[in-house]
Amino acid sequence: MTWEWTLELLASARNAWLATVRADGRPHVAPLWIVRVDASIWFSTPVSTTKGRNLEHDGRLALHVESGDDVAI
């Protein structure tokens, strides 16, 4: 997997799953829409949401981008 391949995938991706870490260490996964601008991925979430609070407390995250037509989570 190359960075170029990753950027190509992100160019067509709109839906993703964001995994964050709760204050007590438990994982939290939520769907969201993403936008790629150049080599950056952007999304928006209010601080009042669980994922917003998690990111404010702990900036670690993982992003799963949906690809293909048959997706099962």
N, C-alpha and C. Protein backbone atom coordinates (compact mmCIF):
# COMPACT_ATOMS: atom_id res chain seq x y z
N MET A 1 0.85 -1.17 0.00
CA MET A 1 0.00 0.00 0.00
C MET A 1 0.90 1.23 0.00
N THR A 2 0.67 2.11 -0.95
CA THR A 2 1.45 3.34 -1.05
C THR A 2 0.60 4.53 -0.62
N TRP A 3 1.26 5.66 -0.34
CA TRP A 3 0.54 6.87 0.03
C TRP A 3 -0.32 7.34 -1.14
N GLU A 4 0.17 7.17 -2.37
CA GLU A 4 -0.60 7.55 -3.56
C GLU A 4 -1.89 6.74 -3.64
N TRP A 5 -1.81 5.43 -3.38
CA TRP A 5 -3.00 4.57 -3.39
C TRP A 5 -3.99 5.05 -2.33
N THR A 6 -3.46 5.39 -1.15
CA THR A 6 -4.31 5.87 -0.06
C THR A 6 -5.02 7.16 -0.46
N LEU A 7 -4.29 8.08 -1.08
CA LEU A 7 -4.91 9.34 -1.51
C LEU A 7 -5.98 9.11 -2.57
N GLU A 8 -5.76 8.14 -3.47
CA GLU A 8 -6.78 7.80 -4.47
C GLU A 8 -8.05 7.28 -3.81
N LEU A 9 -7.88 6.39 -2.83
CA LEU A 9 -9.03 5.86 -2.10
C LEU A 9 -9.77 6.98 -1.39
N LEU A 10 -9.04 7.87 -0.76
CA LEU A 10 -9.67 8.98 -0.03
C LEU A 10 -10.35 9.97 -0.95
N ALA A 11 -9.90 10.07 -2.19
CA ALA A 11 -10.51 11.00 -3.14
C ALA A 11 -11.95 10.62 -3.44
N SER A 12 -12.26 9.33 -3.40
CA SER A 12 -13.62 8.88 -3.71
C SER A 12 -14.44 8.54 -2.47
N ALA A 13 -13.80 8.48 -1.32
CA ALA A 13 -14.50 8.09 -0.09
C ALA A 13 -15.30 9.26 0.47
N ARG A 14 -16.48 8.97 0.97
CA ARG A 14 -17.29 9.98 1.63
C ARG A 14 -17.69 9.53 3.04
N ASN A 15 -17.79 8.23 3.22
CA ASN A 15 -18.21 7.69 4.51
C ASN A 15 -17.03 7.01 5.20
N ALA A 16 -16.97 7.18 6.50
CA ALA A 16 -15.90 6.56 7.26
C ALA A 16 -16.40 6.24 8.67
N TRP A 17 -15.64 5.44 9.36
CA TRP A 17 -15.90 5.12 10.76
C TRP A 17 -14.72 5.64 11.56
N LEU A 18 -15.01 6.45 12.56
CA LEU A 18 -13.99 7.06 13.40
C LEU A 18 -13.96 6.35 14.74
N ALA A 19 -12.80 5.82 15.10
CA ALA A 19 -12.62 5.19 16.40
C ALA A 19 -11.82 6.13 17.29
N THR A 20 -12.36 6.40 18.48
CA THR A 20 -11.71 7.26 19.46
C THR A 20 -11.64 6.52 20.78
N VAL A 21 -10.98 7.14 21.76
CA VAL A 21 -10.79 6.52 23.07
C VAL A 21 -11.54 7.34 24.12
N ARG A 22 -12.43 6.68 24.85
CA ARG A 22 -13.15 7.36 25.93
C ARG A 22 -12.21 7.64 27.10
N ALA A 23 -12.60 8.51 27.99
CA ALA A 23 -11.77 8.88 29.14
C ALA A 23 -11.43 7.66 30.00
N ASP A 24 -12.34 6.67 30.04
CA ASP A 24 -12.07 5.47 30.85
C ASP A 24 -11.31 4.40 30.07
N GLY A 25 -10.89 4.72 28.83
CA GLY A 25 -10.09 3.80 28.04
C GLY A 25 -10.87 2.93 27.07
N ARG A 26 -12.20 2.94 27.17
CA ARG A 26 -13.00 2.12 26.25
C ARG A 26 -13.02 2.75 24.86
N PRO A 27 -13.09 1.93 23.82
CA PRO A 27 -13.18 2.48 22.47
C PRO A 27 -14.58 2.98 22.16
N HIS A 28 -14.66 3.93 21.26
CA HIS A 28 -15.94 4.43 20.76
C HIS A 28 -15.80 4.57 19.25
N VAL A 29 -16.74 3.99 18.50
CA VAL A 29 -16.70 4.04 17.04
C VAL A 29 -17.99 4.68 16.54
N ALA A 30 -17.85 5.62 15.61
CA ALA A 30 -19.02 6.33 15.09
C ALA A 30 -18.83 6.60 13.60
N PRO A 31 -19.93 6.53 12.84
CA PRO A 31 -19.84 6.86 11.41
C PRO A 31 -19.79 8.37 11.22
N LEU A 32 -19.14 8.79 10.15
CA LEU A 32 -19.14 10.21 9.82
C LEU A 32 -18.82 10.40 8.35
N TRP A 33 -19.06 11.61 7.86
CA TRP A 33 -18.71 11.97 6.50
C TRP A 33 -17.34 12.62 6.52
N ILE A 34 -16.55 12.34 5.50
CA ILE A 34 -15.21 12.92 5.41
C ILE A 34 -15.06 13.63 4.07
N VAL A 35 -14.11 14.56 4.04
CA VAL A 35 -13.76 15.26 2.81
C VAL A 35 -12.24 15.29 2.73
N ARG A 36 -11.71 14.96 1.57
CA ARG A 36 -10.26 15.04 1.36
C ARG A 36 -9.95 16.36 0.67
N VAL A 37 -9.01 17.11 1.22
CA VAL A 37 -8.51 18.34 0.62
C VAL A 37 -7.00 18.19 0.54
N ASP A 38 -6.49 18.10 -0.69
CA ASP A 38 -5.06 17.83 -0.92
C ASP A 38 -4.69 16.53 -0.21
N ALA A 39 -3.75 16.58 0.72
CA ALA A 39 -3.33 15.36 1.42
C ALA A 39 -3.91 15.29 2.83
N SER A 40 -4.95 16.07 3.10
CA SER A 40 -5.57 16.09 4.43
C SER A 40 -6.99 15.53 4.37
N ILE A 41 -7.41 14.94 5.48
CA ILE A 41 -8.78 14.45 5.64
C ILE A 41 -9.46 15.37 6.64
N TRP A 42 -10.65 15.86 6.28
CA TRP A 42 -11.40 16.76 7.15
C TRP A 42 -12.73 16.15 7.54
N PHE A 43 -13.12 16.38 8.78
CA PHE A 43 -14.47 16.05 9.24
C PHE A 43 -14.83 17.06 10.31
N SER A 44 -16.10 17.13 10.60
CA SER A 44 -16.58 18.08 11.60
C SER A 44 -17.39 17.33 12.64
N THR A 45 -17.19 17.69 13.90
CA THR A 45 -18.00 17.12 14.97
C THR A 45 -18.03 18.11 16.13
N PRO A 46 -19.19 18.34 16.71
CA PRO A 46 -19.25 19.23 17.87
C PRO A 46 -18.53 18.62 19.08
N VAL A 47 -17.97 19.46 19.92
CA VAL A 47 -17.32 18.99 21.15
C VAL A 47 -18.34 18.33 22.07
N SER A 48 -19.61 18.65 21.91
CA SER A 48 -20.65 18.09 22.78
C SER A 48 -20.95 16.62 22.47
N THR A 49 -20.46 16.09 21.34
CA THR A 49 -20.70 14.68 21.01
C THR A 49 -19.68 13.80 21.73
N THR A 50 -19.98 12.52 21.79
CA THR A 50 -19.04 11.59 22.43
C THR A 50 -17.70 11.62 21.72
N LYS A 51 -17.70 11.56 20.39
CA LYS A 51 -16.42 11.57 19.68
C LYS A 51 -15.70 12.91 19.87
N GLY A 52 -16.43 14.01 19.93
CA GLY A 52 -15.82 15.31 20.18
C GLY A 52 -15.17 15.39 21.55
N ARG A 53 -15.87 14.92 22.57
CA ARG A 53 -15.30 14.90 23.93
C ARG A 53 -14.08 13.99 23.98
N ASN A 54 -14.19 12.82 23.32
CA ASN A 54 -13.06 11.89 23.32
C ASN A 54 -11.83 12.52 22.69
N LEU A 55 -12.00 13.18 21.54
CA LEU A 55 -10.86 13.79 20.85
C LEU A 55 -10.29 14.96 21.64
N GLU A 56 -11.14 15.68 22.35
CA GLU A 56 -10.65 16.78 23.18
C GLU A 56 -9.79 16.24 24.32
N HIS A 57 -10.19 15.09 24.88
CA HIS A 57 -9.47 14.48 26.00
C HIS A 57 -8.23 13.72 25.54
N ASP A 58 -8.33 13.04 24.40
CA ASP A 58 -7.25 12.17 23.90
C ASP A 58 -7.30 12.21 22.38
N GLY A 59 -6.30 12.76 21.75
CA GLY A 59 -6.30 12.96 20.31
C GLY A 59 -6.07 11.72 19.46
N ARG A 60 -5.88 10.57 20.10
CA ARG A 60 -5.66 9.35 19.31
C ARG A 60 -6.94 8.94 18.60
N LEU A 61 -6.79 8.49 17.35
CA LEU A 61 -7.95 8.04 16.58
C LEU A 61 -7.51 7.05 15.52
N ALA A 62 -8.48 6.32 15.01
CA ALA A 62 -8.30 5.47 13.84
C ALA A 62 -9.47 5.74 12.92
N LEU A 63 -9.21 5.71 11.62
CA LEU A 63 -10.25 6.00 10.64
C LEU A 63 -10.34 4.82 9.68
N HIS A 64 -11.55 4.27 9.54
CA HIS A 64 -11.80 3.19 8.59
C HIS A 64 -12.65 3.78 7.47
N VAL A 65 -12.14 3.72 6.25
CA VAL A 65 -12.85 4.25 5.10
C VAL A 65 -13.59 3.11 4.42
N GLU A 66 -14.88 3.33 4.16
CA GLU A 66 -15.67 2.33 3.44
C GLU A 66 -15.25 2.33 1.99
N SER A 67 -15.15 1.13 1.43
CA SER A 67 -14.90 1.01 -0.01
C SER A 67 -15.64 -0.20 -0.52
N GLY A 68 -16.07 -0.14 -1.74
CA GLY A 68 -16.84 -1.24 -2.30
C GLY A 68 -18.31 -1.10 -1.98
N ASP A 69 -19.10 -2.00 -2.53
CA ASP A 69 -20.54 -1.96 -2.34
C ASP A 69 -21.04 -2.85 -1.22
N ASP A 70 -20.27 -3.86 -0.86
CA ASP A 70 -20.70 -4.82 0.15
C ASP A 70 -19.90 -4.60 1.42
N VAL A 71 -20.42 -3.75 2.28
CA VAL A 71 -19.72 -3.41 3.51
C VAL A 71 -20.48 -3.96 4.70
N ALA A 72 -19.79 -4.65 5.58
CA ALA A 72 -20.39 -5.14 6.82
C ALA A 72 -19.51 -4.71 7.97
N ILE A 73 -20.10 -4.05 8.93
CA ILE A 73 -19.34 -3.59 10.10
C ILE A 73 -19.83 -4.37 11.31
